[in-house]
Amino acid sequence: MRVGHMEAELEFRDRFVDDVEAAALLSLSRSYLRQLRLRGGGCAFSSFGRAVRYRVSDLFEWAASKSATSTSNRDCGATPLHGGA
């Protein structure tokens, strides 16, 4: 990997994005991210006044933590929307 490319990747991963861009990066809806912020279980976020921002590296790490090998695996870190069993 070229040094310039690695620097650009690190710079991208360290930047903050709003909920619109965060949802697009994860292929999720803004409302789902909002629900996770309100009840917990979502990605770490920062508040700057009324502005909510996500660090790109935190989004990728959170998404990786949701990885599972089976839908019956209850310990995969999945967060049900409606408290299902």
Protein backbone atom coordinates (compact mmCIF):
# COMPACT_ATOMS: atom_id res chain seq x y z
CA MET A 1 0.00 0.00 0.00
CA ARG A 2 1.37 3.42 -0.88
CA VAL A 3 2.12 5.83 1.95
CA GLY A 4 -0.19 8.49 0.50
CA HIS A 5 -3.05 6.01 0.32
CA MET A 6 -2.50 4.90 3.93
CA GLU A 7 -2.48 8.52 5.12
CA ALA A 8 -5.70 9.22 3.24
CA GLU A 9 -7.33 6.11 4.79
CA LEU A 10 -6.28 7.15 8.29
CA GLU A 11 -7.53 10.68 7.69
CA PHE A 12 -10.90 9.32 6.46
CA ARG A 13 -11.28 6.98 9.45
CA ASP A 14 -10.56 9.79 11.95
CA ARG A 15 -13.06 12.28 10.58
CA PHE A 16 -16.52 12.91 12.00
CA VAL A 17 -19.71 12.45 9.98
CA ASP A 18 -23.33 13.37 10.67
CA ASP A 19 -26.14 10.82 11.00
CA VAL A 20 -27.00 11.03 7.30
CA GLU A 21 -23.51 10.01 6.23
CA ALA A 22 -23.17 7.49 9.09
CA ALA A 23 -26.40 5.79 8.02
CA ALA A 24 -25.19 5.70 4.41
CA LEU A 25 -21.82 4.20 5.40
CA LEU A 26 -23.58 1.41 7.32
CA SER A 27 -26.53 1.00 4.94
CA LEU A 28 -28.90 1.72 7.83
CA SER A 29 -31.64 4.28 8.28
CA ARG A 30 -31.19 7.51 10.18
CA SER A 31 -34.15 6.60 12.37
CA TYR A 32 -32.52 3.31 13.40
CA LEU A 33 -29.33 5.14 14.43
CA ARG A 34 -31.48 7.63 16.36
CA GLN A 35 -33.28 4.80 18.17
CA LEU A 36 -29.95 3.24 19.13
CA ARG A 37 -28.71 6.60 20.47
CA LEU A 38 -31.82 6.98 22.62
CA ARG A 39 -31.93 3.52 24.16
CA GLY A 40 -28.31 2.42 23.93
CA GLY A 41 -26.59 -0.38 22.09
CA GLY A 42 -25.46 1.70 19.16
CA CYS A 43 -22.18 3.13 18.03
CA ALA A 44 -20.33 5.69 20.15
CA PHE A 45 -21.18 9.24 19.14
CA SER A 46 -20.24 12.79 20.08
CA SER A 47 -22.51 15.76 20.69
CA PHE A 48 -21.38 19.23 19.79
CA GLY A 49 -24.25 21.35 21.04
CA ARG A 50 -27.25 19.95 19.19
CA ALA A 51 -25.11 18.37 16.46
CA VAL A 52 -24.54 14.60 16.73
CA ARG A 53 -21.45 13.24 15.00
CA TYR A 54 -19.92 9.79 14.58
CA ARG A 55 -16.23 9.06 14.10
CA VAL A 56 -15.86 6.87 10.98
CA SER A 57 -13.47 4.46 12.74
CA ASP A 58 -16.04 3.97 15.55
CA LEU A 59 -18.73 3.15 12.98
CA PHE A 60 -16.54 0.48 11.36
CA GLU A 61 -15.55 -1.02 14.73
CA TRP A 62 -19.18 -1.10 15.91
CA ALA A 63 -20.30 -2.75 12.68
CA ALA A 64 -17.54 -5.36 12.99
CA SER A 65 -18.68 -6.13 16.55
CA LYS A 66 -22.11 -7.11 15.14
CA SER A 67 -20.63 -9.91 13.03
CA ALA A 68 -22.15 -13.37 13.57
CA THR A 69 -21.91 -16.81 12.03
CA SER A 70 -25.47 -17.89 12.80
CA THR A 71 -28.83 -16.23 13.41
CA SER A 72 -29.26 -18.48 16.46
CA ASN A 73 -26.14 -17.00 18.06
CA ARG A 74 -27.63 -14.79 20.82
CA ASP A 75 -24.22 -13.44 21.85
CA CYS A 76 -23.42 -11.78 18.51
CA GLY A 77 -24.14 -8.32 19.86
CA ALA A 78 -27.34 -7.86 17.86
CA THR A 79 -29.64 -5.18 19.21
CA PRO A 80 -33.35 -5.98 18.73
CA LEU A 81 -35.53 -2.96 18.04
CA HIS A 82 -38.56 -4.05 20.05
CA GLY A 83 -36.99 -6.04 22.89
CA GLY A 84 -37.81 -9.37 21.24
CA ALA A 85 -36.79 -12.62 22.89
